[in-house]
């Protein structure tokens, strides 16, 4: 019989900053110019800002070395991926499915 696992959740804003999610994409580009477009982070930033504008409570859910889901609100699990392909499909889906299984949530991918 498998033991129940604890799920880590983190509320926004995080106590230790790990990105520029609170900045507009143009502000980030001025602060941290990059040679290549960072489409994945920009897409996550756009989703974060959209959720924030809607006054949604935003969290992150993960089980260390097992799965992670980018955004978890009071009703939704939202996984963001700029380039879904055969190499990352299973990982991205696993995170969304596990987070959607948390009480009171549904999957949006």
N, C-alpha and C. Protein backbone atom coordinates (compact mmCIF):
# COMPACT_ATOMS: atom_id res chain seq x y z
N UNK A 1 0.84 -1.18 0.00
CA UNK A 1 0.00 0.00 0.00
C UNK A 1 0.89 1.24 0.00
N UNK A 2 0.60 2.16 -0.87
CA UNK A 2 1.39 3.38 -0.99
C UNK A 2 1.01 4.37 0.09
N UNK A 3 2.00 5.03 0.63
CA UNK A 3 1.76 6.06 1.65
C UNK A 3 1.30 7.35 0.96
N UNK A 4 0.47 8.11 1.63
CA UNK A 4 0.02 9.40 1.10
C UNK A 4 1.19 10.37 1.07
N UNK A 5 1.27 11.16 0.04
CA UNK A 5 2.35 12.13 -0.11
C UNK A 5 1.84 13.53 0.17
N UNK A 6 2.71 14.33 0.75
CA UNK A 6 2.36 15.73 1.02
C UNK A 6 2.59 16.55 -0.24
N UNK A 7 1.80 17.54 -0.45
CA UNK A 7 1.91 18.42 -1.61
C UNK A 7 2.39 19.78 -1.14
N UNK A 8 3.43 20.28 -1.75
CA UNK A 8 3.94 21.60 -1.41
C UNK A 8 3.17 22.64 -2.20
N UNK A 9 2.78 23.70 -1.54
CA UNK A 9 2.14 24.80 -2.23
C UNK A 9 2.87 26.08 -1.86
N UNK A 10 2.89 27.00 -2.76
CA UNK A 10 3.57 28.27 -2.53
C UNK A 10 2.66 29.37 -3.04
N UNK A 11 2.42 30.36 -2.22
CA UNK A 11 1.56 31.47 -2.62
C UNK A 11 2.38 32.57 -3.26
N UNK A 12 1.73 33.36 -4.11
CA UNK A 12 2.37 34.50 -4.74
C UNK A 12 2.05 35.73 -3.92
N UNK A 13 2.92 36.66 -3.74
CA UNK A 13 4.29 36.61 -4.22
C UNK A 13 5.13 35.72 -3.34
N UNK A 14 6.11 35.02 -3.91
CA UNK A 14 6.94 34.13 -3.11
C UNK A 14 7.80 34.93 -2.14
N UNK A 15 8.15 34.32 -1.01
CA UNK A 15 8.99 35.03 -0.04
C UNK A 15 10.40 35.21 -0.57
N UNK A 16 10.88 34.27 -1.39
CA UNK A 16 12.18 34.40 -2.03
C UNK A 16 11.93 34.55 -3.52
N UNK A 17 12.21 35.72 -4.10
CA UNK A 17 11.93 35.93 -5.52
C UNK A 17 12.69 34.94 -6.39
N UNK A 18 12.00 34.30 -7.31
CA UNK A 18 12.66 33.37 -8.22
C UNK A 18 12.42 33.76 -9.67
N UNK A 19 11.98 34.96 -9.93
CA UNK A 19 11.74 35.40 -11.30
C UNK A 19 11.20 36.81 -11.30
N UNK A 20 10.75 37.23 -12.46
CA UNK A 20 10.23 38.58 -12.61
C UNK A 20 8.74 38.54 -12.91
N UNK A 21 8.00 37.62 -12.31
CA UNK A 21 6.59 37.47 -12.62
C UNK A 21 5.78 38.74 -12.38
N UNK A 22 6.25 39.59 -11.49
CA UNK A 22 5.47 40.79 -11.16
C UNK A 22 5.74 41.94 -12.12
N UNK A 23 6.69 41.80 -13.03
CA UNK A 23 7.03 42.85 -13.97
C UNK A 23 6.32 42.63 -15.30
N UNK A 24 6.05 43.70 -16.00
CA UNK A 24 5.53 43.60 -17.35
C UNK A 24 6.66 43.07 -18.24
N UNK A 25 6.30 42.42 -19.33
CA UNK A 25 7.30 41.82 -20.23
C UNK A 25 8.29 42.86 -20.75
N UNK A 26 7.82 44.05 -21.06
CA UNK A 26 8.72 45.09 -21.56
C UNK A 26 9.71 45.55 -20.50
N UNK A 27 9.29 45.62 -19.25
CA UNK A 27 10.18 46.00 -18.17
C UNK A 27 11.26 44.94 -17.99
N UNK A 28 10.88 43.69 -18.05
CA UNK A 28 11.86 42.62 -17.91
C UNK A 28 12.89 42.68 -19.03
N UNK A 29 12.45 42.94 -20.24
CA UNK A 29 13.37 43.00 -21.38
C UNK A 29 14.41 44.11 -21.18
N UNK A 30 14.01 45.22 -20.58
CA UNK A 30 14.95 46.31 -20.32
C UNK A 30 15.93 45.96 -19.20
N UNK A 31 15.45 45.25 -18.19
CA UNK A 31 16.30 44.89 -17.05
C UNK A 31 17.23 43.74 -17.40
N UNK A 32 16.71 42.77 -18.11
CA UNK A 32 17.45 41.54 -18.40
C UNK A 32 17.39 41.23 -19.89
N UNK A 33 18.12 41.98 -20.72
CA UNK A 33 18.05 41.72 -22.15
C UNK A 33 18.66 40.34 -22.48
N UNK A 34 18.03 39.66 -23.43
CA UNK A 34 18.48 38.33 -23.82
C UNK A 34 18.66 38.28 -25.32
N UNK A 35 19.61 37.47 -25.77
CA UNK A 35 19.85 37.32 -27.20
C UNK A 35 18.69 36.57 -27.86
N UNK A 36 18.11 35.61 -27.17
CA UNK A 36 17.00 34.85 -27.72
C UNK A 36 15.73 35.15 -26.92
N UNK A 37 14.61 35.04 -27.58
CA UNK A 37 13.33 35.28 -26.91
C UNK A 37 13.07 34.17 -25.91
N UNK A 38 12.66 34.53 -24.72
CA UNK A 38 12.35 33.57 -23.67
C UNK A 38 10.83 33.39 -23.65
N UNK A 39 10.31 32.74 -24.67
CA UNK A 39 8.87 32.64 -24.87
C UNK A 39 8.16 31.95 -23.70
N UNK A 40 8.76 30.90 -23.16
CA UNK A 40 8.13 30.18 -22.05
C UNK A 40 7.91 31.05 -20.83
N UNK A 41 8.92 31.80 -20.44
CA UNK A 41 8.78 32.68 -19.29
C UNK A 41 7.83 33.84 -19.58
N UNK A 42 7.84 34.33 -20.78
CA UNK A 42 6.92 35.42 -21.14
C UNK A 42 5.47 34.94 -21.12
N UNK A 43 5.25 33.73 -21.58
CA UNK A 43 3.90 33.16 -21.56
C UNK A 43 3.44 32.95 -20.12
N UNK A 44 4.31 32.41 -19.26
CA UNK A 44 3.96 32.26 -17.85
C UNK A 44 3.67 33.61 -17.22
N UNK A 45 4.46 34.61 -17.56
CA UNK A 45 4.26 35.95 -17.04
C UNK A 45 2.90 36.50 -17.46
N UNK A 46 2.53 36.29 -18.71
CA UNK A 46 1.23 36.76 -19.21
C UNK A 46 0.08 36.09 -18.47
N UNK A 47 0.19 34.79 -18.22
CA UNK A 47 -0.86 34.06 -17.48
C UNK A 47 -0.93 34.59 -16.05
N UNK A 48 0.24 34.76 -15.42
CA UNK A 48 0.27 35.28 -14.05
C UNK A 48 -0.40 36.64 -13.96
N UNK A 49 -0.05 37.55 -14.87
CA UNK A 49 -0.62 38.90 -14.84
C UNK A 49 -2.12 38.87 -15.10
N UNK A 50 -2.57 37.97 -15.98
CA UNK A 50 -4.00 37.84 -16.24
C UNK A 50 -4.75 37.37 -14.99
N UNK A 51 -4.19 36.37 -14.31
CA UNK A 51 -4.82 35.88 -13.08
C UNK A 51 -4.82 36.96 -12.00
N UNK A 52 -3.75 37.69 -11.93
CA UNK A 52 -3.63 38.75 -10.93
C UNK A 52 -4.64 39.86 -11.19
N UNK A 53 -4.83 40.23 -12.45
CA UNK A 53 -5.82 41.26 -12.81
C UNK A 53 -7.23 40.82 -12.42
N UNK A 54 -7.47 39.53 -12.48
CA UNK A 54 -8.80 39.00 -12.13
C UNK A 54 -8.95 38.78 -10.63
N UNK A 55 -7.92 39.18 -9.86
CA UNK A 55 -7.94 39.06 -8.40
C UNK A 55 -8.08 37.61 -7.94
N UNK A 56 -7.50 36.68 -8.72
CA UNK A 56 -7.54 35.27 -8.34
C UNK A 56 -6.43 34.99 -7.33
N UNK A 57 -6.69 34.17 -6.31
CA UNK A 57 -5.61 33.75 -5.41
C UNK A 57 -4.72 32.77 -6.18
N UNK A 58 -3.42 33.05 -6.25
CA UNK A 58 -2.52 32.27 -7.09
C UNK A 58 -1.53 31.51 -6.23
N UNK A 59 -1.39 30.22 -6.53
CA UNK A 59 -0.42 29.37 -5.85
C UNK A 59 0.31 28.53 -6.88
N UNK A 60 1.30 27.83 -6.41
CA UNK A 60 2.09 26.88 -7.19
C UNK A 60 2.03 25.58 -6.44
N UNK A 61 1.90 24.45 -7.14
CA UNK A 61 1.85 23.16 -6.46
C UNK A 61 2.89 22.23 -7.06
N UNK A 62 3.51 21.44 -6.19
CA UNK A 62 4.54 20.51 -6.66
C UNK A 62 4.77 19.42 -5.63
N UNK A 63 5.27 18.33 -6.11
CA UNK A 63 5.80 17.26 -5.27
C UNK A 63 7.24 17.09 -5.75
N UNK A 64 8.19 17.34 -4.88
CA UNK A 64 9.61 17.41 -5.26
C UNK A 64 10.02 16.19 -6.08
N UNK A 65 10.66 16.45 -7.22
CA UNK A 65 11.17 15.43 -8.15
C UNK A 65 10.07 14.54 -8.73
N UNK A 66 8.80 14.93 -8.61
CA UNK A 66 7.71 14.13 -9.15
C UNK A 66 6.91 14.91 -10.18
N UNK A 67 6.38 16.05 -9.77
CA UNK A 67 5.57 16.87 -10.67
C UNK A 67 5.50 18.30 -10.15
N UNK A 68 5.10 19.21 -11.02
CA UNK A 68 4.85 20.60 -10.65
C UNK A 68 3.80 21.17 -11.58
N UNK A 69 3.03 22.11 -11.04
CA UNK A 69 2.02 22.80 -11.83
C UNK A 69 2.24 24.30 -11.65
N UNK A 70 2.26 25.02 -12.76
CA UNK A 70 2.64 26.43 -12.75
C UNK A 70 1.73 27.32 -11.91
N UNK A 71 0.43 27.16 -12.06
CA UNK A 71 -0.49 28.03 -11.33
C UNK A 71 -1.67 27.21 -10.82
N UNK A 72 -2.00 27.41 -9.55
CA UNK A 72 -3.16 26.77 -8.95
C UNK A 72 -3.97 27.87 -8.28
N UNK A 73 -5.22 28.00 -8.70
CA UNK A 73 -6.11 28.99 -8.09
C UNK A 73 -7.08 28.24 -7.19
N UNK A 74 -8.08 28.94 -6.68
CA UNK A 74 -9.04 28.28 -5.81
C UNK A 74 -9.88 27.24 -6.55
N UNK A 75 -9.98 27.34 -7.88
CA UNK A 75 -10.80 26.39 -8.64
C UNK A 75 -10.07 25.71 -9.80
N UNK A 76 -8.87 26.17 -10.17
CA UNK A 76 -8.23 25.70 -11.39
C UNK A 76 -6.77 25.32 -11.17
N UNK A 77 -6.33 24.37 -11.99
CA UNK A 77 -4.91 24.04 -12.10
C UNK A 77 -4.52 24.41 -13.53
N UNK A 78 -3.55 25.31 -13.67
CA UNK A 78 -3.18 25.84 -14.99
C UNK A 78 -1.71 25.51 -15.26
N UNK A 79 -1.48 24.74 -16.30
CA UNK A 79 -0.13 24.38 -16.72
C UNK A 79 0.19 25.18 -17.98
N UNK A 80 1.33 25.86 -17.99
CA UNK A 80 1.72 26.71 -19.11
C UNK A 80 2.93 26.08 -19.80
N UNK A 81 2.85 25.95 -21.13
CA UNK A 81 3.96 25.39 -21.89
C UNK A 81 3.98 26.04 -23.27
N UNK A 82 5.11 26.67 -23.61
CA UNK A 82 5.21 27.35 -24.90
C UNK A 82 5.48 26.38 -26.04
N UNK A 83 6.10 25.25 -25.75
CA UNK A 83 6.47 24.29 -26.79
C UNK A 83 6.18 22.87 -26.31
N UNK A 84 4.94 22.44 -26.46
CA UNK A 84 4.56 21.09 -26.06
C UNK A 84 5.01 20.12 -27.14
N UNK A 85 5.81 19.14 -26.76
CA UNK A 85 6.35 18.18 -27.72
C UNK A 85 6.44 16.80 -27.07
N UNK A 86 6.76 15.76 -27.82
CA UNK A 86 6.81 14.41 -27.25
C UNK A 86 7.77 14.26 -26.06
N UNK A 87 8.81 15.09 -25.99
CA UNK A 87 9.78 14.97 -24.89
C UNK A 87 9.22 15.51 -23.57
N UNK A 88 8.32 16.51 -23.61
CA UNK A 88 7.83 17.09 -22.37
C UNK A 88 6.34 16.87 -22.12
N UNK A 89 5.66 16.22 -23.04
CA UNK A 89 4.21 16.02 -22.93
C UNK A 89 3.83 15.30 -21.64
N UNK A 90 4.49 14.22 -21.33
CA UNK A 90 4.15 13.43 -20.14
C UNK A 90 4.40 14.24 -18.86
N UNK A 91 5.51 14.95 -18.81
CA UNK A 91 5.85 15.75 -17.62
C UNK A 91 4.83 16.87 -17.41
N UNK A 92 4.49 17.59 -18.47
CA UNK A 92 3.53 18.69 -18.36
C UNK A 92 2.15 18.17 -17.97
N UNK A 93 1.72 17.08 -18.58
CA UNK A 93 0.41 16.50 -18.26
C UNK A 93 0.36 15.99 -16.83
N UNK A 94 1.44 15.34 -16.38
CA UNK A 94 1.48 14.79 -15.02
C UNK A 94 1.28 15.91 -13.99
N UNK A 95 1.94 17.05 -14.19
CA UNK A 95 1.79 18.16 -13.25
C UNK A 95 0.37 18.68 -13.21
N UNK A 96 -0.23 18.85 -14.38
CA UNK A 96 -1.60 19.36 -14.44
C UNK A 96 -2.60 18.38 -13.83
N UNK A 97 -2.43 17.12 -14.11
CA UNK A 97 -3.35 16.10 -13.59
C UNK A 97 -3.28 16.01 -12.08
N UNK A 98 -2.07 15.98 -11.52
CA UNK A 98 -1.92 15.91 -10.06
C UNK A 98 -2.47 17.16 -9.39
N UNK A 99 -2.19 18.33 -9.94
CA UNK A 99 -2.68 19.58 -9.33
C UNK A 99 -4.21 19.67 -9.45
N UNK A 100 -4.77 19.19 -10.56
CA UNK A 100 -6.22 19.22 -10.72
C UNK A 100 -6.91 18.28 -9.73
N UNK A 101 -6.18 17.25 -9.28
CA UNK A 101 -6.75 16.31 -8.33
C UNK A 101 -6.78 16.88 -6.90
N UNK A 102 -6.11 17.99 -6.68
CA UNK A 102 -6.18 18.63 -5.37
C UNK A 102 -7.62 19.08 -5.15
N UNK A 103 -8.10 19.10 -3.93
CA UNK A 103 -9.51 19.40 -3.66
C UNK A 103 -9.99 20.70 -4.29
N UNK A 104 -11.14 20.64 -4.99
CA UNK A 104 -11.81 21.81 -5.52
C UNK A 104 -11.27 22.41 -6.79
N UNK A 105 -10.46 21.65 -7.56
CA UNK A 105 -9.83 22.22 -8.75
C UNK A 105 -10.17 21.41 -9.99
N UNK A 106 -10.03 22.10 -11.15
CA UNK A 106 -10.19 21.43 -12.44
C UNK A 106 -8.99 21.82 -13.31
N UNK A 107 -8.72 21.04 -14.35
CA UNK A 107 -7.55 21.25 -15.19
C UNK A 107 -7.85 22.24 -16.30
N UNK A 108 -6.91 23.19 -16.51
CA UNK A 108 -6.93 24.08 -17.66
C UNK A 108 -5.54 24.03 -18.25
N UNK A 109 -5.41 23.57 -19.48
CA UNK A 109 -4.06 23.39 -20.03
C UNK A 109 -3.85 24.01 -21.35
